[in-house]
């Protein structure tokens, strides 16, 4: 049995990008002592994670249908 390969959608790629950018902002904000930048990074990470999860759920539902 070969599994059908699911391609990563554009929204999932954007979500992963936001995760990486947000993590970098958190790291630089903590390192530089700028809590506002770190908090902004956390918000970006949460948004990226939500976008990635939503895109992956939609992709799995499309494969089943």
PDB file of N, CA and C in Angstrom:
ATOM      1  N   UNK A   1       0.829  -1.190   0.000  1.00  0.00           N
ATOM      2  CA  UNK A   1       0.000   0.000   0.000  1.00  0.00           C
ATOM      3  C   UNK A   1       0.873   1.252   0.000  1.00  0.00           C
ATOM      4  N   UNK A   2       0.623   2.112  -0.933  1.00  0.00           N
ATOM      5  CA  UNK A   2       1.361   3.373  -0.946  1.00  0.00           C
ATOM      6  C   UNK A   2       0.432   4.481  -0.461  1.00  0.00           C
ATOM      7  N   UNK A   3       0.947   5.254   0.464  1.00  0.00           N
ATOM      8  CA  UNK A   3       0.169   6.373   0.982  1.00  0.00           C
ATOM      9  C   UNK A   3       0.191   7.520  -0.018  1.00  0.00           C
ATOM     10  N   UNK A   4      -0.921   8.190  -0.129  1.00  0.00           N
ATOM     11  CA  UNK A   4      -0.986   9.340  -1.011  1.00  0.00           C
ATOM     12  C   UNK A   4      -0.240  10.501  -0.345  1.00  0.00           C
ATOM     13  N   UNK A   5       0.699  11.074  -1.053  1.00  0.00           N
ATOM     14  CA  UNK A   5       1.515  12.148  -0.499  1.00  0.00           C
ATOM     15  C   UNK A   5       0.719  13.450  -0.514  1.00  0.00           C
ATOM     16  N   UNK A   6       0.690  14.111   0.626  1.00  0.00           N
ATOM     17  CA  UNK A   6      -0.037  15.367   0.757  1.00  0.00           C
ATOM     18  C   UNK A   6       0.957  16.505   0.605  1.00  0.00           C
ATOM     19  N   UNK A   7       0.669  17.401  -0.331  1.00  0.00           N
ATOM     20  CA  UNK A   7       1.546  18.550  -0.513  1.00  0.00           C
ATOM     21  C   UNK A   7       1.211  19.621   0.516  1.00  0.00           C
ATOM     22  N   UNK A   8       2.236  20.321   0.956  1.00  0.00           N
ATOM     23  CA  UNK A   8       2.037  21.388   1.926  1.00  0.00           C
ATOM     24  C   UNK A   8       1.433  22.599   1.212  1.00  0.00           C
ATOM     25  N   UNK A   9       0.333  23.101   1.733  1.00  0.00           N
ATOM     26  CA  UNK A   9      -0.337  24.234   1.105  1.00  0.00           C
ATOM     27  C   UNK A   9       0.420  25.524   1.404  1.00  0.00           C
ATOM     28  N   UNK A  10       0.047  26.560   0.709  1.00  0.00           N
ATOM     29  CA  UNK A  10       0.675  27.859   0.912  1.00  0.00           C
ATOM     30  C   UNK A  10       0.436  28.405   2.302  1.00  0.00           C
ATOM     31  N   UNK A  11      -0.769  28.183   2.833  1.00  0.00           N
ATOM     32  CA  UNK A  11      -1.067  28.669   4.176  1.00  0.00           C
ATOM     33  C   UNK A  11      -0.247  27.942   5.235  1.00  0.00           C
ATOM     34  N   UNK A  12       0.003  26.663   5.023  1.00  0.00           N
ATOM     35  CA  UNK A  12       0.841  25.918   5.964  1.00  0.00           C
ATOM     36  C   UNK A  12       2.277  26.433   5.921  1.00  0.00           C
ATOM     37  N   UNK A  13       2.773  26.747   4.736  1.00  0.00           N
ATOM     38  CA  UNK A  13       4.126  27.306   4.620  1.00  0.00           C
ATOM     39  C   UNK A  13       4.214  28.670   5.294  1.00  0.00           C
ATOM     40  N   UNK A  14       3.188  29.481   5.147  1.00  0.00           N
ATOM     41  CA  UNK A  14       3.171  30.784   5.813  1.00  0.00           C
ATOM     42  C   UNK A  14       3.159  30.591   7.325  1.00  0.00           C
ATOM     43  N   UNK A  15       2.397  29.615   7.809  1.00  0.00           N
ATOM     44  CA  UNK A  15       2.351  29.338   9.242  1.00  0.00           C
ATOM     45  C   UNK A  15       3.702  28.926   9.790  1.00  0.00           C
ATOM     46  N   UNK A  16       4.417  28.074   9.057  1.00  0.00           N
ATOM     47  CA  UNK A  16       5.755  27.663   9.493  1.00  0.00           C
ATOM     48  C   UNK A  16       6.703  28.858   9.469  1.00  0.00           C
ATOM     49  N   UNK A  17       6.581  29.696   8.465  1.00  0.00           N
ATOM     50  CA  UNK A  17       7.406  30.909   8.398  1.00  0.00           C
ATOM     51  C   UNK A  17       7.159  31.829   9.569  1.00  0.00           C
ATOM     52  N   UNK A  18       5.887  31.998   9.928  1.00  0.00           N
ATOM     53  CA  UNK A  18       5.566  32.830  11.090  1.00  0.00           C
ATOM     54  C   UNK A  18       6.111  32.228  12.375  1.00  0.00           C
ATOM     55  N   UNK A  19       6.074  30.903  12.483  1.00  0.00           N
ATOM     56  CA  UNK A  19       6.654  30.244  13.656  1.00  0.00           C
ATOM     57  C   UNK A  19       8.140  30.564  13.778  1.00  0.00           C
ATOM     58  N   UNK A  20       8.858  30.482  12.678  1.00  0.00           N
ATOM     59  CA  UNK A  20      10.307  30.730  12.704  1.00  0.00           C
ATOM     60  C   UNK A  20      10.600  32.195  13.015  1.00  0.00           C
ATOM     61  N   UNK A  21       9.903  33.104  12.353  1.00  0.00           N
ATOM     62  CA  UNK A  21      10.132  34.531  12.579  1.00  0.00           C
ATOM     63  C   UNK A  21       9.786  34.911  14.022  1.00  0.00           C
ATOM     64  N   UNK A  22       8.665  34.394  14.516  1.00  0.00           N
ATOM     65  CA  UNK A  22       8.266  34.688  15.889  1.00  0.00           C
ATOM     66  C   UNK A  22       9.256  34.143  16.901  1.00  0.00           C
ATOM     67  N   UNK A  23       9.785  32.942  16.653  1.00  0.00           N
ATOM     68  CA  UNK A  23      10.768  32.371  17.570  1.00  0.00           C
ATOM     69  C   UNK A  23      12.045  33.204  17.584  1.00  0.00           C
ATOM     70  N   UNK A  24      12.456  33.699  16.428  1.00  0.00           N
ATOM     71  CA  UNK A  24      13.630  34.571  16.381  1.00  0.00           C
ATOM     72  C   UNK A  24      13.391  35.876  17.135  1.00  0.00           C
ATOM     73  N   UNK A  25      12.191  36.441  16.988  1.00  0.00           N
ATOM     74  CA  UNK A  25      11.880  37.665  17.725  1.00  0.00           C
ATOM     75  C   UNK A  25      11.876  37.429  19.231  1.00  0.00           C
ATOM     76  N   UNK A  26      11.338  36.307  19.648  1.00  0.00           N
ATOM     77  CA  UNK A  26      11.349  35.980  21.079  1.00  0.00           C
ATOM     78  C   UNK A  26      12.787  35.852  21.578  1.00  0.00           C
ATOM     79  N   UNK A  27      13.624  35.155  20.813  1.00  0.00           N
ATOM     80  CA  UNK A  27      15.012  34.956  21.228  1.00  0.00           C
ATOM     81  C   UNK A  27      15.765  36.284  21.310  1.00  0.00           C
ATOM     82  N   UNK A  28      15.638  37.108  20.277  1.00  0.00           N
ATOM     83  CA  UNK A  28      16.344  38.391  20.298  1.00  0.00           C
ATOM     84  C   UNK A  28      15.773  39.331  21.351  1.00  0.00           C
ATOM     85  N   UNK A  29      14.473  39.279  21.573  1.00  0.00           N
ATOM     86  CA  UNK A  29      13.864  40.110  22.606  1.00  0.00           C
ATOM     87  C   UNK A  29      14.331  39.723  23.997  1.00  0.00           C
ATOM     88  N   UNK A  30      14.441  38.435  24.252  1.00  0.00           N
ATOM     89  CA  UNK A  30      14.935  37.978  25.551  1.00  0.00           C
ATOM     90  C   UNK A  30      16.418  38.287  25.716  1.00  0.00           C
ATOM     91  N   UNK A  31      17.180  38.084  24.667  1.00  0.00           N
ATOM     92  CA  UNK A  31      18.622  38.323  24.736  1.00  0.00           C
ATOM     93  C   UNK A  31      18.933  39.803  24.939  1.00  0.00           C
ATOM     94  N   UNK A  32      18.187  40.648  24.248  1.00  0.00           N
ATOM     95  CA  UNK A  32      18.436  42.085  24.329  1.00  0.00           C
ATOM     96  C   UNK A  32      17.720  42.770  25.472  1.00  0.00           C
ATOM     97  N   UNK A  33      16.934  42.042  26.228  1.00  0.00           N
ATOM     98  CA  UNK A  33      16.220  42.652  27.345  1.00  0.00           C
ATOM     99  C   UNK A  33      15.037  43.490  26.917  1.00  0.00           C
ATOM    100  N   UNK A  34      14.510  43.217  25.752  1.00  0.00           N
ATOM    101  CA  UNK A  34      13.346  43.969  25.252  1.00  0.00           C
ATOM    102  C   UNK A  34      12.128  43.061  25.307  1.00  0.00           C
ATOM    103  N   UNK A  35      11.395  43.182  26.385  1.00  0.00           N
ATOM    104  CA  UNK A  35      10.254  42.294  26.610  1.00  0.00           C
ATOM    105  C   UNK A  35       9.125  42.544  25.629  1.00  0.00           C
ATOM    106  N   UNK A  36       8.999  43.778  25.143  1.00  0.00           N
ATOM    107  CA  UNK A  36       7.934  44.080  24.185  1.00  0.00           C
ATOM    108  C   UNK A  36       8.152  43.318  22.874  1.00  0.00           C
ATOM    109  N   UNK A  37       9.400  43.231  22.428  1.00  0.00           N
ATOM    110  CA  UNK A  37       9.708  42.496  21.204  1.00  0.00           C
ATOM    111  C   UNK A  37       9.457  41.005  21.418  1.00  0.00           C
ATOM    112  N   UNK A  38       9.825  40.504  22.603  1.00  0.00           N
ATOM    113  CA  UNK A  38       9.606  39.093  22.906  1.00  0.00           C
ATOM    114  C   UNK A  38       8.112  38.772  22.951  1.00  0.00           C
ATOM    115  N   UNK A  39       7.330  39.658  23.525  1.00  0.00           N
ATOM    116  CA  UNK A  39       5.882  39.441  23.588  1.00  0.00           C
ATOM    117  C   UNK A  39       5.270  39.472  22.192  1.00  0.00           C
ATOM    118  N   UNK A  40       5.728  40.388  21.366  1.00  0.00           N
ATOM    119  CA  UNK A  40       5.267  40.455  19.980  1.00  0.00           C
ATOM    120  C   UNK A  40       5.611  39.159  19.247  1.00  0.00           C
ATOM    121  N   UNK A  41       6.786  38.617  19.521  1.00  0.00           N
ATOM    122  CA  UNK A  41       7.198  37.351  18.923  1.00  0.00           C
ATOM    123  C   UNK A  41       6.309  36.201  19.354  1.00  0.00           C
ATOM    124  N   UNK A  42       5.919  36.188  20.627  1.00  0.00           N
ATOM    125  CA  UNK A  42       5.022  35.133  21.123  1.00  0.00           C
ATOM    126  C   UNK A  42       3.684  35.191  20.400  1.00  0.00           C
ATOM    127  N   UNK A  43       3.184  36.381  20.183  1.00  0.00           N
ATOM    128  CA  UNK A  43       1.911  36.542  19.473  1.00  0.00           C
ATOM    129  C   UNK A  43       2.040  36.019  18.041  1.00  0.00           C
ATOM    130  N   UNK A  44       3.164  36.302  17.394  1.00  0.00           N
ATOM    131  CA  UNK A  44       3.389  35.815  16.035  1.00  0.00           C
ATOM    132  C   UNK A  44       3.492  34.293  16.015  1.00  0.00           C
ATOM    133  N   UNK A  45       4.164  33.708  17.010  1.00  0.00           N
ATOM    134  CA  UNK A  45       4.283  32.252  17.088  1.00  0.00           C
ATOM    135  C   UNK A  45       2.908  31.607  17.243  1.00  0.00           C
ATOM    136  N   UNK A  46       2.072  32.158  18.099  1.00  0.00           N
ATOM    137  CA  UNK A  46       0.728  31.605  18.305  1.00  0.00           C
ATOM    138  C   UNK A  46      -0.090  31.697  17.022  1.00  0.00           C
ATOM    139  N   UNK A  47      -0.001  32.828  16.332  1.00  0.00           N
ATOM    140  CA  UNK A  47      -0.738  32.990  15.076  1.00  0.00           C
ATOM    141  C   UNK A  47      -0.223  32.008  14.012  1.00  0.00           C
ATOM    142  N   UNK A  48       1.074  31.835  13.934  1.00  0.00           N
ATOM    143  CA  UNK A  48       1.646  30.899  12.967  1.00  0.00           C
ATOM    144  C   UNK A  48       1.240  29.470  13.252  1.00  0.00           C
ATOM    145  N   UNK A  49       1.243  29.102  14.536  1.00  0.00           N
ATOM    146  CA  UNK A  49       0.835  27.748  14.907  1.00  0.00           C
ATOM    147  C   UNK A  49      -0.631  27.505  14.566  1.00  0.00           C
ATOM    148  N   UNK A  50      -1.485  28.473  14.858  1.00  0.00           N
ATOM    149  CA  UNK A  50      -2.908  28.326  14.549  1.00  0.00           C
ATOM    150  C   UNK A  50      -3.130  28.206  13.045  1.00  0.00           C
ATOM    151  N   UNK A  51      -2.413  29.002  12.272  1.00  0.00           N
ATOM    152  CA  UNK A  51      -2.547  28.947  10.813  1.00  0.00           C
ATOM    153  C   UNK A  51      -2.065  27.610  10.268  1.00  0.00           C
ATOM    154  N   UNK A  52      -0.935  27.114  10.786  1.00  0.00           N
ATOM    155  CA  UNK A  52      -0.411  25.838  10.338  1.00  0.00           C
ATOM    156  C   UNK A  52      -1.368  24.699  10.689  1.00  0.00           C
ATOM    157  N   UNK A  53      -1.895  24.690  11.892  1.00  0.00           N
ATOM    158  CA  UNK A  53      -2.809  23.626  12.313  1.00  0.00           C
ATOM    159  C   UNK A  53      -4.090  23.654  11.486  1.00  0.00           C
ATOM    160  N   UNK A  54      -4.630  24.832  11.258  1.00  0.00           N
ATOM    161  CA  UNK A  54      -5.856  24.938  10.461  1.00  0.00           C
ATOM    162  C   UNK A  54      -5.615  24.452   9.033  1.00  0.00           C
ATOM    163  N   UNK A  55      -4.489  24.822   8.450  1.00  0.00           N
ATOM    164  CA  UNK A  55      -4.186  24.393   7.082  1.00  0.00           C
ATOM    165  C   UNK A  55      -3.982  22.886   7.006  1.00  0.00           C
ATOM    166  N   UNK A  56      -3.354  22.297   8.022  1.00  0.00           N
ATOM    167  CA  UNK A  56      -3.135  20.851   7.984  1.00  0.00           C
ATOM    168  C   UNK A  56      -4.438  20.086   8.196  1.00  0.00           C
ATOM    169  N   UNK A  57      -5.326  20.595   9.020  1.00  0.00           N
ATOM    170  CA  UNK A  57      -6.625  19.941   9.226  1.00  0.00           C
ATOM    171  C   UNK A  57      -7.441  19.983   7.934  1.00  0.00           C
ATOM    172  N   UNK A  58      -7.443  21.124   7.267  1.00  0.00           N
ATOM    173  CA  UNK A  58      -8.178  21.248   6.007  1.00  0.00           C
ATOM    174  C   UNK A  58      -7.589  20.313   4.956  1.00  0.00           C
ATOM    175  N   UNK A  59      -6.263  20.204   4.893  1.00  0.00           N
ATOM    176  CA  UNK A  59      -5.622  19.320   3.916  1.00  0.00           C
ATOM    177  C   UNK A  59      -5.975  17.861   4.173  1.00  0.00           C
ATOM    178  N   UNK A  60      -6.013  17.440   5.434  1.00  0.00           N
ATOM    179  CA  UNK A  60      -6.367  16.052   5.749  1.00  0.00           C
ATOM    180  C   UNK A  60      -7.811  15.760   5.416  1.00  0.00           C
ATOM    181  N   UNK A  61      -8.693  16.724   5.619  1.00  0.00           N
ATOM    182  CA  UNK A  61     -10.095  16.517   5.279  1.00  0.00           C
ATOM    183  C   UNK A  61     -10.291  16.424   3.774  1.00  0.00           C
ATOM    184  N   UNK A  62      -9.499  17.161   3.003  1.00  0.00           N
ATOM    185  CA  UNK A  62      -9.608  17.099   1.551  1.00  0.00           C
ATOM    186  C   UNK A  62      -9.131  15.761   1.022  1.00  0.00           C
ATOM    187  N   UNK A  63      -8.129  15.181   1.668  1.00  0.00           N
ATOM    188  CA  UNK A  63      -7.621  13.886   1.220  1.00  0.00           C
ATOM    189  C   UNK A  63      -8.656  12.802   1.471  1.00  0.00           C
ATOM    190  N   UNK A  64      -9.331  12.869   2.603  1.00  0.00           N
ATOM    191  CA  UNK A  64     -10.349  11.855   2.936  1.00  0.00           C
ATOM    192  C   UNK A  64     -11.553  11.933   2.027  1.00  0.00           C
ATOM    193  N   UNK A  65     -11.921  13.141   1.609  1.00  0.00           N
ATOM    194  CA  UNK A  65     -13.124  13.318   0.782  1.00  0.00           C
ATOM    195  C   UNK A  65     -12.908  12.954  -0.656  1.00  0.00           C
TER     196      UNK A  65
END
